[in-house]
Amino acid sequence: MGLAELHQLLTAVQDGLANGRAHTERAKSLLGDARRALVDAQAKADPWLPVQFAQADEGLDQLLTRLAAADDLVSGYQSRL
């Protein structure tokens, strides 16, 4: 495998990470929309939300952090080639 091919493969990985990040950010946005819809529908001072909302939000934050870290690693490796 040549250096040019390795650069091409790493670029493809970075594209995949960016795609994953975009999908995760969209999921986080949709989760926020769902949360607002539930709260607005209940229209009370202390609305009830399923515990899964907080868990999903935290999980998406963790996924975004891991995707960013993977992208940093790939970028660093690629820049050293």
C-alpha atoms as a PDB file:
ATOM      1  CA  MET A   1       0.000   0.000   0.000  1.00  0.00           C
ATOM      2  CA  GLY A   2       1.450   3.325  -1.031  1.00  0.00           C
ATOM      3  CA  LEU A   3       1.404   6.602   0.837  1.00  0.00           C
ATOM      4  CA  ALA A   4      -1.134   8.134  -1.557  1.00  0.00           C
ATOM      5  CA  GLU A   5      -3.500   5.205  -1.010  1.00  0.00           C
ATOM      6  CA  LEU A   6      -3.090   5.484   2.765  1.00  0.00           C
ATOM      7  CA  HIS A   7      -3.912   9.208   2.608  1.00  0.00           C
ATOM      8  CA  GLN A   8      -6.986   8.381   0.502  1.00  0.00           C
ATOM      9  CA  LEU A   9      -8.154   5.767   3.009  1.00  0.00           C
ATOM     10  CA  LEU A  10      -7.637   8.122   5.950  1.00  0.00           C
ATOM     11  CA  THR A  11      -9.611  10.809   4.139  1.00  0.00           C
ATOM     12  CA  ALA A  12     -12.430   8.288   3.681  1.00  0.00           C
ATOM     13  CA  VAL A  13     -12.327   7.536   7.421  1.00  0.00           C
ATOM     14  CA  GLN A  14     -12.512  11.244   8.210  1.00  0.00           C
ATOM     15  CA  ASP A  15     -15.486  11.598   5.857  1.00  0.00           C
ATOM     16  CA  GLY A  16     -17.209   8.722   7.666  1.00  0.00           C
ATOM     17  CA  LEU A  17     -16.527  10.310  11.045  1.00  0.00           C
ATOM     18  CA  ALA A  18     -17.926  13.633   9.829  1.00  0.00           C
ATOM     19  CA  ASN A  19     -21.011  11.825   8.527  1.00  0.00           C
ATOM     20  CA  GLY A  20     -21.458  10.037  11.861  1.00  0.00           C
ATOM     21  CA  ARG A  21     -21.050  13.316  13.727  1.00  0.00           C
ATOM     22  CA  ALA A  22     -23.670  14.999  11.519  1.00  0.00           C
ATOM     23  CA  HIS A  23     -26.150  12.163  12.101  1.00  0.00           C
ATOM     24  CA  THR A  24     -25.504  12.228  15.840  1.00  0.00           C
ATOM     25  CA  GLU A  25     -25.984  15.992  15.997  1.00  0.00           C
ATOM     26  CA  ARG A  26     -29.270  15.604  14.076  1.00  0.00           C
ATOM     27  CA  ALA A  27     -30.401  12.914  16.527  1.00  0.00           C
ATOM     28  CA  LYS A  28     -29.547  15.224  19.421  1.00  0.00           C
ATOM     29  CA  SER A  29     -31.574  18.012  17.800  1.00  0.00           C
ATOM     30  CA  LEU A  30     -34.561  15.700  17.280  1.00  0.00           C
ATOM     31  CA  LEU A  31     -34.314  14.547  20.897  1.00  0.00           C
ATOM     32  CA  GLY A  32     -34.439  18.190  22.004  1.00  0.00           C
ATOM     33  CA  ASP A  33     -37.484  18.764  19.790  1.00  0.00           C
ATOM     34  CA  ALA A  34     -39.228  15.751  21.339  1.00  0.00           C
ATOM     35  CA  ARG A  35     -38.393  16.967  24.849  1.00  0.00           C
ATOM     36  CA  ARG A  36     -39.834  20.415  24.104  1.00  0.00           C
ATOM     37  CA  ALA A  37     -42.968  18.870  22.606  1.00  0.00           C
ATOM     38  CA  LEU A  38     -43.567  16.800  25.748  1.00  0.00           C
ATOM     39  CA  VAL A  39     -42.943  19.730  28.078  1.00  0.00           C
ATOM     40  CA  ASP A  40     -45.129  22.091  26.042  1.00  0.00           C
ATOM     41  CA  ALA A  41     -47.923  19.506  25.884  1.00  0.00           C
ATOM     42  CA  GLN A  42     -47.897  19.074  29.642  1.00  0.00           C
ATOM     43  CA  ALA A  43     -47.735  22.829  30.290  1.00  0.00           C
ATOM     44  CA  LYS A  44     -46.943  22.554  33.977  1.00  0.00           C
ATOM     45  CA  ALA A  45     -44.135  23.762  36.211  1.00  0.00           C
ATOM     46  CA  ASP A  46     -42.519  20.357  36.724  1.00  0.00           C
ATOM     47  CA  PRO A  47     -43.161  18.262  33.618  1.00  0.00           C
ATOM     48  CA  TRP A  48     -42.479  14.563  33.656  1.00  0.00           C
ATOM     49  CA  LEU A  49     -40.004  13.228  31.141  1.00  0.00           C
ATOM     50  CA  PRO A  50     -39.022   9.597  30.735  1.00  0.00           C
ATOM     51  CA  VAL A  51     -35.597   8.871  32.207  1.00  0.00           C
ATOM     52  CA  GLN A  52     -34.555   7.625  28.766  1.00  0.00           C
ATOM     53  CA  PHE A  53     -34.431  11.215  27.484  1.00  0.00           C
ATOM     54  CA  ALA A  54     -31.592  12.139  29.825  1.00  0.00           C
ATOM     55  CA  GLN A  55     -29.850   8.849  29.087  1.00  0.00           C
ATOM     56  CA  ALA A  56     -30.160   9.357  25.327  1.00  0.00           C
ATOM     57  CA  ASP A  57     -28.905  12.924  25.562  1.00  0.00           C
ATOM     58  CA  GLU A  58     -25.889  11.846  27.614  1.00  0.00           C
ATOM     59  CA  GLY A  59     -25.202   8.954  25.249  1.00  0.00           C
ATOM     60  CA  LEU A  60     -25.284  11.251  22.217  1.00  0.00           C
ATOM     61  CA  ASP A  61     -22.905  13.685  23.941  1.00  0.00           C
ATOM     62  CA  GLN A  62     -20.511  10.810  24.649  1.00  0.00           C
ATOM     63  CA  LEU A  63     -20.738   9.636  21.045  1.00  0.00           C
ATOM     64  CA  LEU A  64     -19.982  13.139  19.745  1.00  0.00           C
ATOM     65  CA  THR A  65     -16.943  13.295  22.050  1.00  0.00           C
ATOM     66  CA  ARG A  66     -15.671   9.910  20.820  1.00  0.00           C
ATOM     67  CA  LEU A  67     -16.210  10.856  17.166  1.00  0.00           C
ATOM     68  CA  ALA A  68     -14.276  14.100  17.669  1.00  0.00           C
ATOM     69  CA  ALA A  69     -11.439  12.221  19.402  1.00  0.00           C
ATOM     70  CA  ALA A  70     -11.278   9.658  16.584  1.00  0.00           C
ATOM     71  CA  ASP A  71     -11.188  12.451  14.012  1.00  0.00           C
ATOM     72  CA  ASP A  72      -8.339  14.141  15.919  1.00  0.00           C
ATOM     73  CA  LEU A  73      -6.375  10.870  16.003  1.00  0.00           C
ATOM     74  CA  VAL A  74      -6.845  10.243  12.288  1.00  0.00           C
ATOM     75  CA  SER A  75      -5.946  13.850  11.443  1.00  0.00           C
ATOM     76  CA  GLY A  76      -2.814  13.673  13.588  1.00  0.00           C
ATOM     77  CA  TYR A  77      -1.759  10.392  12.038  1.00  0.00           C
ATOM     78  CA  GLN A  78      -2.407  11.676   8.538  1.00  0.00           C
ATOM     79  CA  SER A  79      -0.426  14.870   9.144  1.00  0.00           C
ATOM     80  CA  ARG A  80       2.575  12.833  10.278  1.00  0.00           C
ATOM     81  CA  LEU A  81       2.614  10.758   7.072  1.00  0.00           C
END
